[in-house]
Every structure is written in C-alpha cells, then in structure tokens.
PDB file of N, CA and C in Angstrom:
ATOM      1  N   MET A   1     111.024  55.546  67.896  1.00  0.00           N
ATOM      2  CA  MET A   1     109.623  55.762  67.560  1.00  0.00           C
ATOM      3  C   MET A   1     109.194  54.744  66.525  1.00  0.00           C
ATOM      4  N   LYS A   2     108.018  54.282  66.615  1.00  0.00           N
ATOM      5  CA  LYS A   2     107.482  53.244  65.728  1.00  0.00           C
ATOM      6  C   LYS A   2     106.682  53.871  64.593  1.00  0.00           C
ATOM      7  N   PHE A   3     107.358  54.656  63.749  1.00  0.00           N
ATOM      8  CA  PHE A   3     106.661  55.359  62.683  1.00  0.00           C
ATOM      9  C   PHE A   3     105.995  54.411  61.688  1.00  0.00           C
ATOM     10  N   ILE A   4     106.620  53.290  61.391  1.00  0.00           N
ATOM     11  CA  ILE A   4     106.037  52.363  60.417  1.00  0.00           C
ATOM     12  C   ILE A   4     104.713  51.828  60.947  1.00  0.00           C
ATOM     13  N   ARG A   5     104.688  51.405  62.177  1.00  0.00           N
ATOM     14  CA  ARG A   5     103.468  50.864  62.788  1.00  0.00           C
ATOM     15  C   ARG A   5     102.377  51.936  62.866  1.00  0.00           C
ATOM     16  N   ILE A   6     102.748  53.120  63.319  1.00  0.00           N
ATOM     17  CA  ILE A   6     101.778  54.209  63.430  1.00  0.00           C
ATOM     18  C   ILE A   6     101.259  54.594  62.043  1.00  0.00           C
ATOM     19  N   GLY A   7     102.158  54.690  61.070  1.00  0.00           N
ATOM     20  CA  GLY A   7     101.757  55.039  59.709  1.00  0.00           C
ATOM     21  C   GLY A   7     100.807  54.019  59.112  1.00  0.00           C
ATOM     22  N   ALA A   8     101.053  52.736  59.362  1.00  0.00           N
ATOM     23  CA  ALA A   8     100.154  51.693  58.861  1.00  0.00           C
ATOM     24  C   ALA A   8      98.775  51.826  59.496  1.00  0.00           C
ATOM     25  N   PHE A   9      98.735  52.092  60.798  1.00  0.00           N
ATOM     26  CA  PHE A   9      97.456  52.319  61.473  1.00  0.00           C
ATOM     27  C   PHE A   9      96.738  53.530  60.882  1.00  0.00           C
ATOM     28  N   LEU A  10      97.491  54.610  60.641  1.00  0.00           N
ATOM     29  CA  LEU A  10      96.885  55.811  60.070  1.00  0.00           C
ATOM     30  C   LEU A  10      96.359  55.551  58.658  1.00  0.00           C
ATOM     31  N   CYS A  11      97.088  54.747  57.867  1.00  0.00           N
ATOM     32  CA  CYS A  11      96.593  54.388  56.531  1.00  0.00           C
ATOM     33  C   CYS A  11      95.270  53.639  56.637  1.00  0.00           C
ATOM     34  N   ALA A  12      95.200  52.689  57.552  1.00  0.00           N
ATOM     35  CA  ALA A  12      93.951  51.936  57.740  1.00  0.00           C
ATOM     36  C   ALA A  12      92.824  52.875  58.148  1.00  0.00           C
ATOM     37  N   LEU A  13      93.111  53.792  59.047  1.00  0.00           N
ATOM     38  CA  LEU A  13      92.094  54.745  59.488  1.00  0.00           C
ATOM     39  C   LEU A  13      91.637  55.634  58.336  1.00  0.00           C
ATOM     40  N   SER A  14      92.568  56.037  57.480  1.00  0.00           N
ATOM     41  CA  SER A  14      92.184  56.884  56.353  1.00  0.00           C
ATOM     42  C   SER A  14      91.305  56.120  55.360  1.00  0.00           C
ATOM     43  N   VAL A  15      91.550  54.823  55.193  1.00  0.00           N
ATOM     44  CA  VAL A  15      90.686  54.014  54.327  1.00  0.00           C
ATOM     45  C   VAL A  15      89.286  53.908  54.944  1.00  0.00           C
ATOM     46  N   ILE A  16      89.223  53.699  56.248  1.00  0.00           N
ATOM     47  CA  ILE A  16      87.929  53.633  56.931  1.00  0.00           C
ATOM     48  C   ILE A  16      87.171  54.952  56.759  1.00  0.00           C
ATOM     49  N   LEU A  17      87.869  56.067  56.969  1.00  0.00           N
ATOM     50  CA  LEU A  17      87.222  57.369  56.820  1.00  0.00           C
ATOM     51  C   LEU A  17      86.839  57.652  55.370  1.00  0.00           C
ATOM     52  N   GLY A  18      87.643  57.168  54.426  1.00  0.00           N
ATOM     53  CA  GLY A  18      87.293  57.310  53.015  1.00  0.00           C
ATOM     54  C   GLY A  18      86.030  56.537  52.683  1.00  0.00           C
ATOM     55  N   ALA A  19      85.928  55.332  53.197  1.00  0.00           N
ATOM     56  CA  ALA A  19      84.724  54.522  52.973  1.00  0.00           C
ATOM     57  C   ALA A  19      83.508  55.175  53.635  1.00  0.00           C
ATOM     58  N   PHE A  20      83.705  55.715  54.828  1.00  0.00           N
ATOM     59  CA  PHE A  20      82.618  56.423  55.500  1.00  0.00           C
ATOM     60  C   PHE A  20      82.150  57.600  54.656  1.00  0.00           C
ATOM     61  N   GLY A  21      83.102  58.320  54.086  1.00  0.00           N
ATOM     62  CA  GLY A  21      82.739  59.454  53.239  1.00  0.00           C
ATOM     63  C   GLY A  21      81.967  59.021  52.002  1.00  0.00           C
ATOM     64  N   ALA A  22      82.450  57.981  51.347  1.00  0.00           N
ATOM     65  CA  ALA A  22      81.827  57.533  50.103  1.00  0.00           C
ATOM     66  C   ALA A  22      80.480  56.868  50.326  1.00  0.00           C
ATOM     67  N   HIS A  23      80.335  56.157  51.436  1.00  0.00           N
ATOM     68  CA  HIS A  23      79.121  55.368  51.651  1.00  0.00           C
ATOM     69  C   HIS A  23      78.233  55.879  52.773  1.00  0.00           C
ATOM     70  N   GLY A  24      78.784  56.725  53.640  1.00  0.00           N
ATOM     71  CA  GLY A  24      78.014  57.154  54.797  1.00  0.00           C
ATOM     72  C   GLY A  24      77.482  58.572  54.711  1.00  0.00           C
ATOM     73  N   ILE A  25      78.313  59.484  54.182  1.00  0.00           N
ATOM     74  CA  ILE A  25      77.852  60.877  54.192  1.00  0.00           C
ATOM     75  C   ILE A  25      77.616  61.455  52.803  1.00  0.00           C
ATOM     76  N   LYS A  26      78.179  60.829  51.767  1.00  0.00           N
ATOM     77  CA  LYS A  26      77.935  61.338  50.414  1.00  0.00           C
ATOM     78  C   LYS A  26      76.434  61.303  50.152  1.00  0.00           C
ATOM     79  N   GLY A  27      75.922  62.360  49.638  1.00  0.00           N
ATOM     80  CA  GLY A  27      74.488  62.463  49.418  1.00  0.00           C
ATOM     81  C   GLY A  27      73.759  63.122  50.575  1.00  0.00           C
ATOM     82  N   HIS A  28      74.428  63.197  51.733  1.00  0.00           N
ATOM     83  CA  HIS A  28      73.839  63.856  52.897  1.00  0.00           C
ATOM     84  C   HIS A  28      74.461  65.229  53.137  1.00  0.00           C
ATOM     85  N   ILE A  29      75.499  65.532  52.374  1.00  0.00           N
ATOM     86  CA  ILE A  29      76.155  66.835  52.484  1.00  0.00           C
ATOM     87  C   ILE A  29      76.254  67.430  51.083  1.00  0.00           C
ATOM     88  N   SER A  30      76.551  68.709  51.011  1.00  0.00           N
ATOM     89  CA  SER A  30      76.656  69.377  49.707  1.00  0.00           C
ATOM     90  C   SER A  30      77.864  68.857  48.930  1.00  0.00           C
ATOM     91  N   THR A  31      77.840  69.079  47.637  1.00  0.00           N
ATOM     92  CA  THR A  31      78.967  68.689  46.784  1.00  0.00           C
ATOM     93  C   THR A  31      80.240  69.388  47.243  1.00  0.00           C
ATOM     94  N   GLU A  32      80.122  70.661  47.616  1.00  0.00           N
ATOM     95  CA  GLU A  32      81.283  71.418  48.102  1.00  0.00           C
ATOM     96  C   GLU A  32      81.871  70.774  49.363  1.00  0.00           C
ATOM     97  N   MET A  33      81.017  70.423  50.296  1.00  0.00           N
ATOM     98  CA  MET A  33      81.496  69.806  51.535  1.00  0.00           C
ATOM     99  C   MET A  33      82.065  68.412  51.274  1.00  0.00           C
ATOM    100  N   PHE A  34      81.525  67.697  50.321  1.00  0.00           N
ATOM    101  CA  PHE A  34      82.072  66.384  49.994  1.00  0.00           C
ATOM    102  C   PHE A  34      83.468  66.527  49.388  1.00  0.00           C
ATOM    103  N   GLU A  35      83.684  67.574  48.591  1.00  0.00           N
ATOM    104  CA  GLU A  35      85.021  67.835  48.049  1.00  0.00           C
ATOM    105  C   GLU A  35      86.002  68.165  49.165  1.00  0.00           C
ATOM    106  N   VAL A  36      85.559  68.909  50.157  1.00  0.00           N
ATOM    107  CA  VAL A  36      86.406  69.209  51.324  1.00  0.00           C
ATOM    108  C   VAL A  36      86.759  67.908  52.039  1.00  0.00           C
ATOM    109  N   TYR A  37      85.772  67.047  52.202  1.00  0.00           N
ATOM    110  CA  TYR A  37      85.996  65.754  52.857  1.00  0.00           C
ATOM    111  C   TYR A  37      87.021  64.931  52.075  1.00  0.00           C
ATOM    112  N   GLN A  38      86.870  64.906  50.762  1.00  0.00           N
ATOM    113  CA  GLN A  38      87.804  64.144  49.927  1.00  0.00           C
ATOM    114  C   GLN A  38      89.221  64.708  50.020  1.00  0.00           C
ATOM    115  N   THR A  39      89.347  66.029  50.036  1.00  0.00           N
ATOM    116  CA  THR A  39      90.666  66.650  50.189  1.00  0.00           C
ATOM    117  C   THR A  39      91.286  66.244  51.514  1.00  0.00           C
ATOM    118  N   SER A  40      90.496  66.289  52.571  1.00  0.00           N
ATOM    119  CA  SER A  40      90.979  65.889  53.884  1.00  0.00           C
ATOM    120  C   SER A  40      91.479  64.457  53.858  1.00  0.00           C
ATOM    121  N   ASN A  41      90.694  63.589  53.266  1.00  0.00           N
ATOM    122  CA  ASN A  41      91.053  62.174  53.233  1.00  0.00           C
ATOM    123  C   ASN A  41      92.283  61.918  52.366  1.00  0.00           C
ATOM    124  N   GLN A  42      92.389  62.633  51.254  1.00  0.00           N
ATOM    125  CA  GLN A  42      93.544  62.480  50.370  1.00  0.00           C
ATOM    126  C   GLN A  42      94.837  62.863  51.103  1.00  0.00           C
ATOM    127  N   TYR A  43      94.827  63.995  51.790  1.00  0.00           N
ATOM    128  CA  TYR A  43      96.018  64.429  52.518  1.00  0.00           C
ATOM    129  C   TYR A  43      96.309  63.503  53.697  1.00  0.00           C
ATOM    130  N   PHE A  44      95.267  63.004  54.328  1.00  0.00           N
ATOM    131  CA  PHE A  44      95.428  62.059  55.430  1.00  0.00           C
ATOM    132  C   PHE A  44      96.175  60.828  54.930  1.00  0.00           C
ATOM    133  N   PHE A  45      95.677  60.227  53.863  1.00  0.00           N
ATOM    134  CA  PHE A  45      96.302  59.001  53.348  1.00  0.00           C
ATOM    135  C   PHE A  45      97.727  59.258  52.864  1.00  0.00           C
ATOM    136  N   MET A  46      97.909  60.314  52.091  1.00  0.00           N
ATOM    137  CA  MET A  46      99.223  60.628  51.534  1.00  0.00           C
ATOM    138  C   MET A  46     100.273  60.815  52.636  1.00  0.00           C
ATOM    139  N   HIS A  47      99.888  61.508  53.685  1.00  0.00           N
ATOM    140  CA  HIS A  47     100.868  61.775  54.735  1.00  0.00           C
ATOM    141  C   HIS A  47     101.008  60.614  55.726  1.00  0.00           C
ATOM    142  N   SER A  48     100.027  59.728  55.744  1.00  0.00           N
ATOM    143  CA  SER A  48     100.193  58.485  56.505  1.00  0.00           C
ATOM    144  C   SER A  48     101.280  57.638  55.850  1.00  0.00           C
ATOM    145  N   ILE A  49     101.296  57.617  54.529  1.00  0.00           N
ATOM    146  CA  ILE A  49     102.362  56.915  53.809  1.00  0.00           C
ATOM    147  C   ILE A  49     103.703  57.600  54.060  1.00  0.00           C
ATOM    148  N   ALA A  50     103.686  58.929  54.147  1.00  0.00           N
ATOM    149  CA  ALA A  50     104.920  59.652  54.453  1.00  0.00           C
ATOM    150  C   ALA A  50     105.467  59.246  55.818  1.00  0.00           C
ATOM    151  N   VAL A  51     104.593  59.011  56.794  1.00  0.00           N
ATOM    152  CA  VAL A  51     105.033  58.555  58.118  1.00  0.00           C
ATOM    153  C   VAL A  51     105.744  57.203  57.984  1.00  0.00           C
ATOM    154  N   ILE A  52     105.178  56.307  57.184  1.00  0.00           N
ATOM    155  CA  ILE A  52     105.813  55.000  56.952  1.00  0.00           C
ATOM    156  C   ILE A  52     107.164  55.176  56.275  1.00  0.00           C
ATOM    157  N   LEU A  53     107.210  56.013  55.247  1.00  0.00           N
ATOM    158  CA  LEU A  53     108.474  56.243  54.535  1.00  0.00           C
ATOM    159  C   LEU A  53     109.537  56.826  55.460  1.00  0.00           C
ATOM    160  N   TYR A  54     109.133  57.748  56.311  1.00  0.00           N
ATOM    161  CA  TYR A  54     110.109  58.313  57.239  1.00  0.00           C
ATOM    162  C   TYR A  54     110.593  57.252  58.223  1.00  0.00           C
ATOM    163  N   GLY A  55     109.680  56.385  58.648  1.00  0.00           N
ATOM    164  CA  GLY A  55     110.083  55.283  59.530  1.00  0.00           C
ATOM    165  C   GLY A  55     111.079  54.355  58.858  1.00  0.00           C
ATOM    166  N   LEU A  56     110.837  54.039  57.588  1.00  0.00           N
ATOM    167  CA  LEU A  56     111.782  53.201  56.841  1.00  0.00           C
ATOM    168  C   LEU A  56     113.127  53.897  56.700  1.00  0.00           C
ATOM    169  N   PHE A  57     113.092  55.191  56.417  1.00  0.00           N
ATOM    170  CA  PHE A  57     114.328  55.957  56.328  1.00  0.00           C
ATOM    171  C   PHE A  57     115.091  55.907  57.655  1.00  0.00           C
ATOM    172  N   CYS A  58     114.385  56.098  58.755  1.00  0.00           N
ATOM    173  CA  CYS A  58     115.035  56.084  60.073  1.00  0.00           C
ATOM    174  C   CYS A  58     115.680  54.730  60.360  1.00  0.00           C
ATOM    175  N   GLN A  59     115.036  53.648  59.900  1.00  0.00           N
ATOM    176  CA  GLN A  59     115.575  52.307  60.153  1.00  0.00           C
ATOM    177  C   GLN A  59     116.776  51.978  59.273  1.00  0.00           C
ATOM    178  N   THR A  60     116.839  52.554  58.088  1.00  0.00           N
ATOM    179  CA  THR A  60     117.871  52.131  57.136  1.00  0.00           C
ATOM    180  C   THR A  60     119.069  53.061  57.052  1.00  0.00           C
ATOM    181  N   THR A  61     118.961  54.278  57.552  1.00  0.00           N
ATOM    182  CA  THR A  61     120.097  55.186  57.442  1.00  0.00           C
ATOM    183  C   THR A  61     121.139  54.870  58.503  1.00  0.00           C
ATOM    184  N   LYS A  62     122.363  55.132  58.152  1.00  0.00           N
ATOM    185  CA  LYS A  62     123.464  54.909  59.094  1.00  0.00           C
ATOM    186  C   LYS A  62     123.764  56.173  59.898  1.00  0.00           C
ATOM    187  N   ARG A  63     123.216  57.282  59.477  1.00  0.00           N
ATOM    188  CA  ARG A  63     123.470  58.532  60.198  1.00  0.00           C
ATOM    189  C   ARG A  63     122.412  58.742  61.278  1.00  0.00           C
ATOM    190  N   GLU A  64     122.714  59.623  62.187  1.00  0.00           N
ATOM    191  CA  GLU A  64     121.754  59.948  63.235  1.00  0.00           C
ATOM    192  C   GLU A  64     120.563  60.664  62.621  1.00  0.00           C
ATOM    193  N   VAL A  65     119.373  60.241  62.975  1.00  0.00           N
ATOM    194  CA  VAL A  65     118.175  60.886  62.448  1.00  0.00           C
ATOM    195  C   VAL A  65     117.419  61.572  63.577  1.00  0.00           C
ATOM    196  N   LYS A  66     116.661  62.532  63.202  1.00  0.00           N
ATOM    197  CA  LYS A  66     115.799  63.246  64.138  1.00  0.00           C
ATOM    198  C   LYS A  66     114.380  62.724  63.949  1.00  0.00           C
ATOM    199  N   ILE A  67     113.627  62.676  65.028  1.00  0.00           N
ATOM    200  CA  ILE A  67     112.263  62.152  64.909  1.00  0.00           C
ATOM    201  C   ILE A  67     111.232  63.249  64.646  1.00  0.00           C
ATOM    202  N   TRP A  68     111.637  64.510  64.733  1.00  0.00           N
ATOM    203  CA  TRP A  68     110.646  65.579  64.602  1.00  0.00           C
ATOM    204  C   TRP A  68     109.934  65.611  63.257  1.00  0.00           C
ATOM    205  N   PRO A  69     110.558  65.259  62.113  1.00  0.00           N
ATOM    206  CA  PRO A  69     109.755  65.259  60.880  1.00  0.00           C
ATOM    207  C   PRO A  69     108.592  64.263  60.937  1.00  0.00           C
ATOM    208  N   GLY A  70     108.804  63.109  61.509  1.00  0.00           N
ATOM    209  CA  GLY A  70     107.728  62.133  61.645  1.00  0.00           C
ATOM    210  C   GLY A  70     106.591  62.660  62.509  1.00  0.00           C
ATOM    211  N   PHE A  71     106.942  63.323  63.592  1.00  0.00           N
ATOM    212  CA  PHE A  71     105.917  63.913  64.448  1.00  0.00           C
ATOM    213  C   PHE A  71     105.179  65.054  63.736  1.00  0.00           C
ATOM    214  N   LEU A  72     105.918  65.826  62.927  1.00  0.00           N
ATOM    215  CA  LEU A  72     105.263  66.907  62.191  1.00  0.00           C
ATOM    216  C   LEU A  72     104.296  66.372  61.141  1.00  0.00           C
ATOM    217  N   PHE A  73     104.639  65.239  60.509  1.00  0.00           N
ATOM    218  CA  PHE A  73     103.682  64.617  59.581  1.00  0.00           C
ATOM    219  C   PHE A  73     102.390  64.270  60.332  1.00  0.00           C
ATOM    220  N   MET A  74     102.530  63.679  61.507  1.00  0.00           N
ATOM    221  CA  MET A  74     101.349  63.281  62.278  1.00  0.00           C
ATOM    222  C   MET A  74     100.574  64.502  62.785  1.00  0.00           C
ATOM    223  N   LEU A  75     101.291  65.528  63.206  1.00  0.00           N
ATOM    224  CA  LEU A  75     100.630  66.760  63.636  1.00  0.00           C
ATOM    225  C   LEU A  75      99.868  67.379  62.467  1.00  0.00           C
ATOM    226  N   GLY A  76     100.487  67.367  61.293  1.00  0.00           N
ATOM    227  CA  GLY A  76      99.821  67.892  60.109  1.00  0.00           C
ATOM    228  C   GLY A  76      98.546  67.146  59.792  1.00  0.00           C
ATOM    229  N   ILE A  77      98.577  65.825  59.924  1.00  0.00           N
ATOM    230  CA  ILE A  77      97.370  65.027  59.702  1.00  0.00           C
ATOM    231  C   ILE A  77      96.281  65.462  60.684  1.00  0.00           C
ATOM    232  N   ALA A  78      96.654  65.578  61.946  1.00  0.00           N
ATOM    233  CA  ALA A  78      95.664  65.950  62.967  1.00  0.00           C
ATOM    234  C   ALA A  78      95.100  67.346  62.708  1.00  0.00           C
ATOM    235  N   LEU A  79      95.958  68.300  62.410  1.00  0.00           N
ATOM    236  CA  LEU A  79      95.497  69.681  62.244  1.00  0.00           C
ATOM    237  C   LEU A  79      94.831  69.921  60.898  1.00  0.00           C
ATOM    238  N   PHE A  80      95.470  69.485  59.813  1.00  0.00           N
ATOM    239  CA  PHE A  80      94.936  69.746  58.483  1.00  0.00           C
ATOM    240  C   PHE A  80      93.694  68.896  58.230  1.00  0.00           C
ATOM    241  N   SER A  81      93.882  67.586  58.227  1.00  0.00           N
ATOM    242  CA  SER A  81      92.748  66.706  57.939  1.00  0.00           C
ATOM    243  C   SER A  81      91.693  66.785  59.031  1.00  0.00           C
ATOM    244  N   GLY A  82      92.127  66.817  60.270  1.00  0.00           N
ATOM    245  CA  GLY A  82      91.178  66.885  61.376  1.00  0.00           C
ATOM    246  C   GLY A  82      90.292  68.116  61.296  1.00  0.00           C
ATOM    247  N   SER A  83      90.874  69.267  60.984  1.00  0.00           N
ATOM    248  CA  SER A  83      90.063  70.490  60.900  1.00  0.00           C
ATOM    249  C   SER A  83      89.080  70.419  59.739  1.00  0.00           C
ATOM    250  N   LEU A  84      89.505  69.857  58.614  1.00  0.00           N
ATOM    251  CA  LEU A  84      88.590  69.736  57.478  1.00  0.00           C
ATOM    252  C   LEU A  84      87.465  68.755  57.772  1.00  0.00           C
ATOM    253  N   TYR A  85      87.794  67.629  58.404  1.00  0.00           N
ATOM    254  CA  TYR A  85      86.742  66.689  58.805  1.00  0.00           C
ATOM    255  C   TYR A  85      85.740  67.383  59.731  1.00  0.00           C
ATOM    256  N   LEU A  86      86.240  68.168  60.666  1.00  0.00           N
ATOM    257  CA  LEU A  86      85.359  68.867  61.606  1.00  0.00           C
ATOM    258  C   LEU A  86      84.456  69.870  60.897  1.00  0.00           C
ATOM    259  N   ILE A  87      84.995  70.572  59.915  1.00  0.00           N
ATOM    260  CA  ILE A  87      84.169  71.514  59.151  1.00  0.00           C
ATOM    261  C   ILE A  87      83.014  70.776  58.489  1.00  0.00           C
ATOM    262  N   VAL A  88      83.334  69.656  57.845  1.00  0.00           N
ATOM    263  CA  VAL A  88      82.309  68.894  57.132  1.00  0.00           C
ATOM    264  C   VAL A  88      81.279  68.323  58.101  1.00  0.00           C
ATOM    265  N   LEU A  89      81.743  67.754  59.191  1.00  0.00           N
ATOM    266  CA  LEU A  89      80.834  67.047  60.093  1.00  0.00           C
ATOM    267  C   LEU A  89      80.030  67.967  61.008  1.00  0.00           C
ATOM    268  N   THR A  90      80.571  69.165  61.295  1.00  0.00           N
ATOM    269  CA  THR A  90      79.871  70.065  62.207  1.00  0.00           C
ATOM    270  C   THR A  90      79.268  71.282  61.509  1.00  0.00           C
ATOM    271  N   GLY A  91      79.799  71.623  60.339  1.00  0.00           N
ATOM    272  CA  GLY A  91      79.355  72.832  59.651  1.00  0.00           C
ATOM    273  C   GLY A  91      79.980  74.100  60.207  1.00  0.00           C
ATOM    274  N   VAL A  92      80.863  73.969  61.171  1.00  0.00           N
ATOM    275  CA  VAL A  92      81.516  75.128  61.789  1.00  0.00           C
ATOM    276  C   VAL A  92      82.769  75.462  60.985  1.00  0.00           C
ATOM    277  N   ARG A  93      82.663  76.498  60.176  1.00  0.00           N
ATOM    278  CA  ARG A  93      83.780  76.876  59.295  1.00  0.00           C
ATOM    279  C   ARG A  93      84.950  77.503  60.052  1.00  0.00           C
ATOM    280  N   ALA A  94      84.743  77.889  61.282  1.00  0.00           N
ATOM    281  CA  ALA A  94      85.823  78.470  62.086  1.00  0.00           C
ATOM    282  C   ALA A  94      86.974  77.487  62.285  1.00  0.00           C
ATOM    283  N   PHE A  95      86.681  76.181  62.182  1.00  0.00           N
ATOM    284  CA  PHE A  95      87.766  75.201  62.272  1.00  0.00           C
ATOM    285  C   PHE A  95      88.791  75.386  61.159  1.00  0.00           C
ATOM    286  N   GLY A  96      88.393  76.102  60.103  1.00  0.00           N
ATOM    287  CA  GLY A  96      89.305  76.370  58.991  1.00  0.00           C
ATOM    288  C   GLY A  96      90.516  77.202  59.394  1.00  0.00           C
ATOM    289  N   MET A  97      90.432  77.881  60.532  1.00  0.00           N
ATOM    290  CA  MET A  97      91.590  78.654  61.003  1.00  0.00           C
ATOM    291  C   MET A  97      92.743  77.730  61.412  1.00  0.00           C
ATOM    292  N   ILE A  98      92.427  76.472  61.705  1.00  0.00           N
ATOM    293  CA  ILE A  98      93.444  75.507  62.122  1.00  0.00           C
ATOM    294  C   ILE A  98      94.142  74.882  60.912  1.00  0.00           C
ATOM    295  N   THR A  99      93.429  74.789  59.799  1.00  0.00           N
ATOM    296  CA  THR A  99      93.931  74.076  58.622  1.00  0.00           C
ATOM    297  C   THR A  99      95.313  74.538  58.157  1.00  0.00           C
ATOM    298  N   PRO A 100      95.577  75.852  58.059  1.00  0.00           N
ATOM    299  CA  PRO A 100      96.913  76.273  57.606  1.00  0.00           C
ATOM    300  C   PRO A 100      98.053  75.823  58.523  1.00  0.00           C
ATOM    301  N   LEU A 101      97.767  75.662  59.811  1.00  0.00           N
ATOM    302  CA  LEU A 101      98.803  75.167  60.726  1.00  0.00           C
ATOM    303  C   LEU A 101      99.172  73.729  60.377  1.00  0.00           C
ATOM    304  N   GLY A 102      98.177  72.952  59.959  1.00  0.00           N
ATOM    305  CA  GLY A 102      98.450  71.600  59.497  1.00  0.00           C
ATOM    306  C   GLY A 102      99.265  71.607  58.214  1.00  0.00           C
ATOM    307  N   GLY A 103      98.912  72.508  57.297  1.00  0.00           N
ATOM    308  CA  GLY A 103      99.690  72.637  56.062  1.00  0.00           C
ATOM    309  C   GLY A 103     101.134  73.025  56.344  1.00  0.00           C
ATOM    310  N   LEU A 104     101.340  73.943  57.275  1.00  0.00           N
ATOM    311  CA  LEU A 104     102.690  74.342  57.674  1.00  0.00           C
ATOM    312  C   LEU A 104     103.443  73.160  58.276  1.00  0.00           C
ATOM    313  N   SER A 105     102.755  72.357  59.069  1.00  0.00           N
ATOM    314  CA  SER A 105     103.386  71.162  59.647  1.00  0.00           C
ATOM    315  C   SER A 105     103.848  70.206  58.551  1.00  0.00           C
ATOM    316  N   PHE A 106     102.999  70.017  57.530  1.00  0.00           N
ATOM    317  CA  PHE A 106     103.393  69.160  56.404  1.00  0.00           C
ATOM    318  C   PHE A 106     104.631  69.709  55.704  1.00  0.00           C
ATOM    319  N   ILE A 107     104.635  71.006  55.438  1.00  0.00           N
ATOM    320  CA  ILE A 107     105.771  71.626  54.743  1.00  0.00           C
ATOM    321  C   ILE A 107     107.051  71.448  55.547  1.00  0.00           C
ATOM    322  N   LEU A 108     106.993  71.739  56.836  1.00  0.00           N
ATOM    323  CA  LEU A 108     108.187  71.601  57.681  1.00  0.00           C
ATOM    324  C   LEU A 108     108.632  70.143  57.784  1.00  0.00           C
ATOM    325  N   ALA A 109     107.677  69.220  57.818  1.00  0.00           N
ATOM    326  CA  ALA A 109     108.022  67.798  57.867  1.00  0.00           C
ATOM    327  C   ALA A 109     108.766  67.383  56.599  1.00  0.00           C
ATOM    328  N   TRP A 110     108.259  67.803  55.437  1.00  0.00           N
ATOM    329  CA  TRP A 110     108.928  67.453  54.176  1.00  0.00           C
ATOM    330  C   TRP A 110     110.311  68.095  54.087  1.00  0.00           C
ATOM    331  N   ILE A 111     110.444  69.322  54.543  1.00  0.00           N
ATOM    332  CA  ILE A 111     111.758  69.977  54.552  1.00  0.00           C
ATOM    333  C   ILE A 111     112.707  69.221  55.483  1.00  0.00           C
ATOM    334  N   GLY A 112     112.212  68.859  56.664  1.00  0.00           N
ATOM    335  CA  GLY A 112     113.038  68.102  57.610  1.00  0.00           C
ATOM    336  C   GLY A 112     113.443  66.743  57.049  1.00  0.00           C
ATOM    337  N   PHE A 113     112.514  66.073  56.412  1.00  0.00           N
ATOM    338  CA  PHE A 113     112.805  64.770  55.798  1.00  0.00           C
ATOM    339  C   PHE A 113     113.909  64.952  54.762  1.00  0.00           C
ATOM    340  N   GLY A 114     113.740  65.937  53.901  1.00  0.00           N
ATOM    341  CA  GLY A 114     114.752  66.192  52.875  1.00  0.00           C
ATOM    342  C   GLY A 114     116.105  66.554  53.451  1.00  0.00           C
ATOM    343  N   ALA A 115     116.100  67.363  54.498  1.00  0.00           N
ATOM    344  CA  ALA A 115     117.364  67.754  55.122  1.00  0.00           C
ATOM    345  C   ALA A 115     118.075  66.561  55.742  1.00  0.00           C
ATOM    346  N   HIS A 116     117.333  65.650  56.335  1.00  0.00           N
ATOM    347  CA  HIS A 116     117.936  64.485  56.962  1.00  0.00           C
ATOM    348  C   HIS A 116     118.344  63.440  55.932  1.00  0.00           C
ATOM    349  N   ALA A 117     117.742  63.468  54.765  1.00  0.00           N
ATOM    350  CA  ALA A 117     118.043  62.472  53.737  1.00  0.00           C
ATOM    351  C   ALA A 117     119.149  62.919  52.791  1.00  0.00           C
ATOM    352  N   ARG A 118     119.740  64.039  53.055  1.00  0.00           N
ATOM    353  CA  ARG A 118     120.797  64.541  52.157  1.00  0.00           C
ATOM    354  C   ARG A 118     121.917  63.524  52.006  1.00  0.00           C
ATOM    355  N   THR A 119     122.563  63.587  50.887  1.00  0.00           N
ATOM    356  CA  THR A 119     123.640  62.632  50.623  1.00  0.00           C
ATOM    357  C   THR A 119     124.981  63.157  51.069  1.00  0.00           C
TER     358      THR A 119
END
C-alpha cells in the first residue's frame, strides 16, 4: 500500500479545505459551525500525517506489518472529518451520528500502530 503517497495527497487536500474554510465560508456560517469546521480540518490534517508516518514505519521495519491501521486512519478521516464537514456545509446535524465511528477508527488505528511498533 502506498500510505506515504496517499497521506501526502490527504495533507494537501486538508490544506485546501483549511483555506476554503478560512477564506470561503468564514463569515458565512456561525461561529459555532466554523469551530466545527476547524475541528474537522485539524483532525483531517493530523491523521493525514499519521498515514504518512505509518507508511514510513511499514517501509522501515524488518518485521511483518499489517496494513489495517493505515486503512483505519483513512476511514477515520472519511467518517470523522467527512461527517463534520457535511454538518457544516449542509446544516444536517444527523450526520453527527457518523462522527463517533470515525473517532473509533482513529482510536483503533493508533492502537494498531502501537501494537505493530512494539519493540
């Protein structure tokens, strides 16, 4: 799996979405919704870097690695950040039911990363 390449693309996308938030929608949405947008973008960027780090780990370790933590990071980005972006852009708060699944994906990804990185 090309986690480094995918993670770099996701980082670029998160910067684009951050700029869109700061210059495109700020002032057109409530302060509360802008904070939700910023949270979404922060987690998006942070976990995009995690995808890169996991890719580097996979390339440098001598032991067999599993790819599922990398996929869980990406799933978490889609579910957590994606649901928050949808709430802000559509006003449909029901998308918030998806957000915890993204958070769970992040938690499991970090646990998996740690388990595979054991010494």
